[in-house]
Amino acid sequence: MLMMGLRWLTCVTILWVIYHRQLRLEFSKVRPRLGWVALMGGAGMAGFTAFFLLAAQYTTAVNLGITQSSIPALVMLISLVLFGIRISRLQLAGLALSLVGVVVLVSGGQLEVLRAMQFNLGDILMLVACLCYGGYTAGLGRRIAMPAVLMLSFFAVPATLVLGVLVAVEYWQGALVLPSVKGLAYVGYSAIFPSMLAQIFFMRGVEIAGANRAGLYVNLVPVFSAFMAVLFLAETLYIYHGISLAMVLGGIYLADRHKSQLR
């Protein structure tokens, strides 16, 4: 929790130092929707991180990966219930293909791994994490009209506050581990790349493509993780990696086909 708290504190500090003038000007747009901003940052961003970390203490990486692949489906369901955005057959087909691709990846293409799966408290916590991020993604479809970097600057405030409380809990439990110089470098990297740049690109992607289509791209995260492990950690590349990538990309392609049919 300390690493995640420092990550968002660093992110919000950088953003507000650079954009404080623009943020003051845009605050008039945010004031009427402070509750929405608090939910997006506190529950969507910080909530996903917190529940993901808690879930990892109780369940396996396979369960985490498969449960996380439910995010696109949750985005579509939330968008349908809250905003009336219908789900086409092509989107459902793309969702199913993408989900199978993630299952192939995290199971290593072995049916025995899936049969040995056991669900526990960690899986429930991970499902809550997915609900947080699914709601965040769907909520971006109703974002305030302003550049993504400024919107992220406002979201980062409640995210930092929520994680600050969780850091205090971690300290109270005696589980706090202070970062070394190397740990601080990790914090700097995670603040700039996963927190700042990735979120800005994701917000812009949702704005252009829509929440349902953008949600499917979440399933590329475990695929990219696997290929980065091969590239940077010298892990072995197997055939199932390629099969998984083809399925996830195929699911995204089907969702894009739905969009092209509407034009």
Protein backbone atom coordinates (compact mmCIF):
# COMPACT_ATOMS: atom_id res chain seq x y z
CA MET A 1 0.00 0.00 0.00
CA LEU A 2 2.91 2.35 0.73
CA MET A 3 4.24 1.92 -2.79
CA MET A 4 0.82 2.60 -4.29
CA GLY A 5 0.30 5.60 -2.03
CA LEU A 6 3.70 7.07 -2.92
CA ARG A 7 3.03 6.35 -6.58
CA TRP A 8 -0.14 8.45 -6.64
CA LEU A 9 1.31 11.13 -4.36
CA THR A 10 4.19 11.54 -6.82
CA CYS A 11 1.79 11.56 -9.76
CA VAL A 12 -0.53 14.18 -8.28
CA THR A 13 2.43 16.36 -7.24
CA ILE A 14 3.92 16.34 -10.74
CA LEU A 15 0.59 17.07 -12.40
CA TRP A 16 -0.42 19.90 -10.07
CA VAL A 17 3.01 21.55 -10.25
CA ILE A 18 2.88 21.56 -14.06
CA TYR A 19 -0.82 22.32 -14.61
CA HIS A 20 -1.90 24.26 -11.48
CA ARG A 21 -2.97 27.31 -13.49
CA GLN A 22 -5.11 25.34 -15.94
CA LEU A 23 -6.58 23.30 -13.10
CA ARG A 24 -7.76 26.42 -11.28
CA LEU A 25 -9.49 27.58 -14.46
CA GLU A 26 -11.16 24.19 -15.01
CA PHE A 27 -12.32 23.76 -11.41
CA SER A 28 -15.60 25.53 -12.16
CA LYS A 29 -16.51 22.55 -14.37
CA VAL A 30 -15.53 20.06 -11.68
CA ARG A 31 -17.28 21.69 -8.70
CA PRO A 32 -20.82 20.51 -9.64
CA ARG A 33 -19.53 16.94 -10.04
CA LEU A 34 -17.18 16.57 -7.07
CA GLY A 35 -18.98 13.39 -5.99
CA TRP A 36 -18.39 11.80 -9.40
CA VAL A 37 -14.70 12.83 -9.31
CA ALA A 38 -14.34 11.35 -5.81
CA LEU A 39 -15.86 8.04 -6.98
CA MET A 40 -13.73 7.88 -10.12
CA GLY A 41 -10.49 8.53 -8.28
CA GLY A 42 -11.20 7.05 -4.88
CA ALA A 43 -13.22 3.97 -5.83
CA GLY A 44 -12.22 3.47 -9.47
CA MET A 45 -8.48 4.06 -9.34
CA ALA A 46 -7.53 3.55 -5.69
CA GLY A 47 -10.23 0.93 -5.07
CA PHE A 48 -9.01 -1.29 -7.90
CA THR A 49 -5.40 -1.07 -6.67
CA ALA A 50 -6.29 -1.75 -3.04
CA PHE A 51 -8.56 -4.73 -3.65
CA PHE A 52 -6.12 -6.18 -6.22
CA LEU A 53 -3.29 -6.08 -3.66
CA LEU A 54 -5.50 -7.61 -0.97
CA ALA A 55 -6.72 -10.33 -3.33
CA ALA A 56 -3.14 -11.29 -4.19
CA GLN A 57 -2.59 -12.24 -0.54
CA TYR A 58 -5.22 -14.97 -0.69
CA THR A 59 -5.47 -16.36 -4.21
CA THR A 60 -3.27 -17.53 -7.07
CA ALA A 61 -1.94 -15.67 -10.09
CA VAL A 62 -4.12 -17.87 -12.32
CA ASN A 63 -7.25 -16.85 -10.44
CA LEU A 64 -6.21 -13.20 -10.50
CA GLY A 65 -5.66 -13.27 -14.26
CA ILE A 66 -8.93 -15.01 -15.06
CA THR A 67 -10.96 -12.79 -12.73
CA GLN A 68 -9.34 -9.65 -14.16
CA SER A 69 -10.47 -10.72 -17.63
CA SER A 70 -14.05 -10.11 -16.44
CA ILE A 71 -13.48 -6.33 -16.59
CA PRO A 72 -14.62 -5.92 -20.24
CA ALA A 73 -17.85 -7.79 -19.49
CA LEU A 74 -18.44 -5.67 -16.40
CA VAL A 75 -17.86 -2.49 -18.42
CA MET A 76 -20.49 -3.57 -20.94
CA LEU A 77 -22.96 -4.56 -18.22
CA ILE A 78 -22.50 -1.34 -16.23
CA SER A 79 -22.77 0.76 -19.41
CA LEU A 80 -26.00 -1.05 -20.30
CA VAL A 81 -27.58 -0.66 -16.84
CA LEU A 82 -26.51 2.93 -16.13
CA PHE A 83 -26.36 4.50 -19.57
CA GLY A 84 -28.46 2.24 -21.79
CA ILE A 85 -25.56 1.43 -24.13
CA ARG A 86 -26.58 -1.75 -25.93
CA ILE A 87 -24.27 -4.70 -26.48
CA SER A 88 -24.13 -6.05 -30.03
CA ARG A 89 -23.62 -9.67 -31.02
CA LEU A 90 -20.21 -8.82 -32.45
CA GLN A 91 -19.19 -7.25 -29.16
CA LEU A 92 -20.34 -10.34 -27.27
CA ALA A 93 -18.42 -12.56 -29.68
CA GLY A 94 -15.33 -10.37 -29.29
CA LEU A 95 -15.71 -10.47 -25.51
CA ALA A 96 -15.96 -14.27 -25.47
CA LEU A 97 -12.95 -14.72 -27.77
CA SER A 98 -10.88 -12.29 -25.72
CA LEU A 99 -11.85 -14.02 -22.48
CA VAL A 100 -10.84 -17.42 -23.83
CA GLY A 101 -7.52 -15.92 -24.91
CA VAL A 102 -6.78 -14.73 -21.37
CA VAL A 103 -7.77 -18.12 -19.93
CA VAL A 104 -5.39 -19.85 -22.36
CA LEU A 105 -2.61 -17.51 -21.28
CA VAL A 106 -2.96 -17.69 -17.50
CA SER A 107 -3.53 -21.46 -17.53
CA GLY A 108 -0.53 -22.05 -19.77
CA GLY A 109 -2.85 -23.84 -22.19
CA GLN A 110 -3.30 -26.69 -19.68
CA LEU A 111 -6.79 -27.88 -18.80
CA GLU A 112 -5.43 -29.44 -15.58
CA VAL A 113 -4.60 -25.98 -14.24
CA LEU A 114 -8.22 -24.90 -14.64
CA ARG A 115 -9.51 -28.07 -13.04
CA ALA A 116 -7.27 -27.49 -10.03
CA MET A 117 -8.59 -23.97 -9.47
CA GLN A 118 -10.10 -23.31 -6.05
CA PHE A 119 -12.01 -20.14 -5.26
CA ASN A 120 -11.58 -18.31 -1.97
CA LEU A 121 -11.75 -14.89 -0.34
CA GLY A 122 -9.09 -13.56 -2.70
CA ASP A 123 -11.29 -14.20 -5.71
CA ILE A 124 -14.16 -12.24 -4.15
CA LEU A 125 -11.79 -9.35 -3.42
CA MET A 126 -10.49 -9.50 -7.00
CA LEU A 127 -14.04 -9.40 -8.33
CA VAL A 128 -14.65 -6.26 -6.25
CA ALA A 129 -11.47 -4.79 -7.75
CA CYS A 130 -12.78 -5.54 -11.24
CA LEU A 131 -16.11 -3.90 -10.39
CA CYS A 132 -14.19 -0.79 -9.32
CA TYR A 133 -12.28 -0.59 -12.58
CA GLY A 134 -15.26 -1.58 -14.68
CA GLY A 135 -17.26 1.24 -13.12
CA TYR A 136 -14.36 3.63 -13.67
CA THR A 137 -14.10 2.71 -17.35
CA ALA A 138 -17.85 3.03 -17.89
CA GLY A 139 -17.83 6.32 -15.97
CA LEU A 140 -15.24 7.75 -18.35
CA GLY A 141 -17.94 7.70 -20.99
CA ARG A 142 -19.58 10.57 -19.06
CA ARG A 143 -16.40 12.50 -18.28
CA ILE A 144 -16.17 16.27 -18.00
CA ALA A 145 -15.12 18.08 -21.17
CA MET A 146 -11.44 18.83 -20.57
CA PRO A 147 -8.05 17.39 -21.63
CA ALA A 148 -7.31 13.92 -20.23
CA VAL A 149 -4.24 15.09 -18.33
CA LEU A 150 -6.30 17.66 -16.41
CA MET A 151 -9.07 15.17 -15.67
CA LEU A 152 -6.46 12.74 -14.36
CA SER A 153 -5.07 15.51 -12.13
CA PHE A 154 -8.45 15.82 -10.41
CA PHE A 155 -8.94 12.02 -10.16
CA ALA A 156 -5.48 11.64 -8.62
CA VAL A 157 -6.42 13.72 -5.57
CA PRO A 158 -9.08 11.35 -4.10
CA ALA A 159 -6.98 8.36 -5.21
CA THR A 160 -4.05 9.68 -3.17
CA LEU A 161 -6.25 10.42 -0.15
CA VAL A 162 -7.83 6.95 -0.12
CA LEU A 163 -4.46 5.23 -0.46
CA GLY A 164 -3.07 7.51 2.24
CA VAL A 165 -5.65 6.10 4.65
CA LEU A 166 -4.71 2.55 3.61
CA VAL A 167 -1.02 3.33 4.15
CA ALA A 168 -1.92 4.45 7.69
CA VAL A 169 -3.72 1.13 8.22
CA GLU A 170 -0.67 -0.74 6.92
CA TYR A 171 1.51 1.17 9.39
CA TRP A 172 -0.93 0.47 12.24
CA GLN A 173 -0.76 -3.25 11.41
CA GLY A 174 3.06 -3.16 11.56
CA ALA A 175 3.33 -4.26 7.93
CA LEU A 176 4.83 -1.04 6.51
CA VAL A 177 8.13 -1.50 4.62
CA LEU A 178 10.07 1.67 3.88
CA PRO A 179 11.50 1.81 0.34
CA SER A 180 15.22 1.67 -0.42
CA VAL A 181 16.84 3.82 -3.11
CA LYS A 182 15.92 1.10 -5.61
CA GLY A 183 12.38 1.07 -4.24
CA LEU A 184 12.09 4.83 -4.75
CA ALA A 185 13.16 4.33 -8.36
CA TYR A 186 10.31 1.83 -8.75
CA VAL A 187 7.93 4.40 -7.27
CA GLY A 188 9.13 7.03 -9.76
CA TYR A 189 8.67 4.64 -12.68
CA SER A 190 5.18 3.57 -11.59
CA ALA A 191 4.13 7.20 -11.03
CA ILE A 192 5.17 8.32 -14.51
CA PHE A 193 4.33 5.33 -16.69
CA PRO A 194 1.51 3.13 -15.25
CA SER A 195 -0.13 5.98 -13.32
CA MET A 196 0.30 9.09 -15.44
CA LEU A 197 0.96 8.20 -19.08
CA ALA A 198 -1.03 4.94 -19.22
CA GLN A 199 -4.08 6.53 -17.58
CA ILE A 200 -3.96 9.57 -19.87
CA PHE A 201 -3.79 7.33 -22.95
CA PHE A 202 -6.57 5.10 -21.58
CA MET A 203 -8.86 8.06 -20.88
CA ARG A 204 -8.26 9.40 -24.36
CA GLY A 205 -8.90 5.94 -25.81
CA VAL A 206 -12.24 5.64 -24.02
CA GLU A 207 -13.17 9.09 -25.29
CA ILE A 208 -12.46 8.11 -28.91
CA ALA A 209 -13.50 4.43 -28.97
CA GLY A 210 -16.17 4.29 -26.27
CA ALA A 211 -16.13 2.39 -22.98
CA ASN A 212 -17.23 -1.00 -24.35
CA ARG A 213 -14.54 -1.17 -27.02
CA ALA A 214 -11.83 0.30 -24.82
CA GLY A 215 -12.65 -2.16 -22.04
CA LEU A 216 -11.63 -5.09 -24.22
CA TYR A 217 -8.10 -3.71 -24.42
CA VAL A 218 -7.72 -4.42 -20.69
CA ASN A 219 -7.29 -8.07 -21.66
CA LEU A 220 -4.05 -7.15 -23.42
CA VAL A 221 -2.46 -6.41 -20.02
CA PRO A 222 -1.71 -10.06 -19.09
CA VAL A 223 -0.64 -10.74 -22.69
CA PHE A 224 1.83 -7.85 -22.70
CA SER A 225 3.00 -8.91 -19.22
CA ALA A 226 3.81 -12.39 -20.51
CA PHE A 227 5.71 -11.09 -23.54
CA MET A 228 7.61 -8.57 -21.38
CA ALA A 229 8.60 -11.44 -19.08
CA VAL A 230 10.04 -13.22 -22.11
CA LEU A 231 11.83 -10.07 -23.27
CA PHE A 232 13.17 -8.72 -19.97
CA LEU A 233 13.23 -11.73 -17.63
CA ALA A 234 14.41 -14.33 -20.17
CA GLU A 235 11.35 -16.51 -19.64
CA THR A 236 10.47 -19.07 -22.30
CA LEU A 237 8.08 -18.23 -25.13
CA TYR A 238 5.51 -20.97 -25.75
CA ILE A 239 2.96 -21.57 -28.48
CA TYR A 240 0.08 -20.75 -26.12
CA HIS A 241 1.43 -17.20 -25.81
CA GLY A 242 0.86 -16.66 -29.53
CA ILE A 243 -2.54 -18.37 -29.42
CA SER A 244 -3.62 -16.14 -26.53
CA LEU A 245 -2.44 -12.97 -28.30
CA ALA A 246 -4.30 -13.96 -31.49
CA MET A 247 -7.52 -14.57 -29.55
CA VAL A 248 -7.39 -11.31 -27.59
CA LEU A 249 -6.59 -9.31 -30.73
CA GLY A 250 -9.34 -11.19 -32.56
CA GLY A 251 -11.83 -10.18 -29.88
CA ILE A 252 -10.79 -6.54 -30.18
CA TYR A 253 -11.10 -6.76 -33.97
CA LEU A 254 -14.68 -8.03 -33.68
CA ALA A 255 -15.56 -5.12 -31.40
CA ASP A 256 -14.04 -2.74 -33.94
CA ARG A 257 -16.15 -4.36 -36.65
CA HIS A 258 -19.23 -3.46 -34.62
CA LYS A 259 -18.14 0.17 -34.60
CA SER A 260 -17.50 0.23 -38.32
CA GLN A 261 -20.99 -1.15 -39.01
CA LEU A 262 -22.51 1.80 -37.15
CA ARG A 263 -20.84 4.34 -39.45
